[in-house]
Amino acid sequence: MASQQELTPIAVTVKQAARLLGTNDKQIRRGIYARELPVVRFGNSYSIAVDDLRAWFNRKKGVL
């Protein structure tokens, strides 16, 4: 039996992004609407690249 490798996601939903950052959907959507956080749109939902989420978070850390 072949071992199954665990897949690492390259993108997350708004809800998943909020959970990862310990915030709420509204904060993530503000970043999207302000065009600070790049997304890919699939119908009515957004997909956020994990690398873009990490970069956005690091930029926001320097704001305070």
Protein backbone atom coordinates (compact mmCIF):
# COMPACT_ATOMS: atom_id res chain seq x y z
CA MET A 1 0.00 0.00 0.00
CA ALA A 2 1.44 3.37 -1.01
CA SER A 3 1.68 6.00 1.70
CA GLN A 4 -0.45 9.05 1.10
CA GLN A 5 1.33 12.35 1.38
CA GLU A 6 -0.43 15.12 3.20
CA LEU A 7 -1.18 18.02 0.87
CA THR A 8 -0.21 21.50 1.96
CA PRO A 9 -2.79 24.01 0.75
CA ILE A 10 -1.56 26.82 -1.47
CA ALA A 11 -4.71 28.86 -0.91
CA VAL A 12 -7.39 29.30 1.75
CA THR A 13 -10.87 30.76 2.02
CA VAL A 14 -11.65 34.03 3.81
CA LYS A 15 -12.94 32.09 6.81
CA GLN A 16 -9.81 29.91 6.94
CA ALA A 17 -7.55 32.97 6.58
CA ALA A 18 -9.31 34.65 9.49
CA ARG A 19 -8.89 31.55 11.65
CA LEU A 20 -5.19 31.29 10.76
CA LEU A 21 -4.59 34.92 11.76
CA GLY A 22 -6.81 34.83 14.84
CA THR A 23 -9.17 37.50 13.55
CA ASN A 24 -12.58 37.64 11.89
CA ASP A 25 -13.83 37.52 8.31
CA LYS A 26 -14.51 41.27 8.33
CA GLN A 27 -10.82 42.12 8.82
CA ILE A 28 -9.78 39.85 5.96
CA ARG A 29 -12.45 41.30 3.68
CA ARG A 30 -11.28 44.84 4.52
CA GLY A 31 -7.81 43.88 3.27
CA ILE A 32 -9.33 42.45 0.11
CA TYR A 33 -11.58 45.45 -0.59
CA ALA A 34 -8.68 47.86 0.07
CA ARG A 35 -6.69 45.86 -2.51
CA GLU A 36 -4.01 45.17 0.11
CA LEU A 37 -4.60 41.42 0.01
CA PRO A 38 -4.55 39.77 -3.43
CA VAL A 39 -7.23 37.17 -4.10
CA VAL A 40 -8.54 34.92 -6.83
CA ARG A 41 -12.28 35.08 -7.27
CA PHE A 42 -14.28 31.92 -7.89
CA GLY A 43 -17.89 32.91 -8.42
CA ASN A 44 -18.98 34.60 -5.19
CA SER A 45 -16.06 33.38 -3.10
CA TYR A 46 -12.43 34.35 -2.74
CA SER A 47 -9.33 32.23 -2.57
CA ILE A 48 -6.25 33.70 -0.88
CA ALA A 49 -2.78 32.34 -1.58
CA VAL A 50 -1.11 31.35 1.68
CA ASP A 51 2.08 33.19 0.62
CA ASP A 52 0.08 36.38 -0.04
CA LEU A 53 -1.68 36.05 3.32
CA ARG A 54 1.68 35.66 5.08
CA ALA A 55 3.14 38.69 3.26
CA TRP A 56 0.07 40.82 4.06
CA PHE A 57 0.28 39.84 7.72
CA ASN A 58 3.97 40.75 7.87
CA ARG A 59 3.28 44.15 6.28
CA LYS A 60 0.50 44.80 8.80
CA LYS A 61 2.85 43.94 11.70
CA GLY A 62 5.00 46.93 10.80
CA VAL A 63 2.06 49.36 10.81
CA LEU A 64 1.61 49.49 14.58
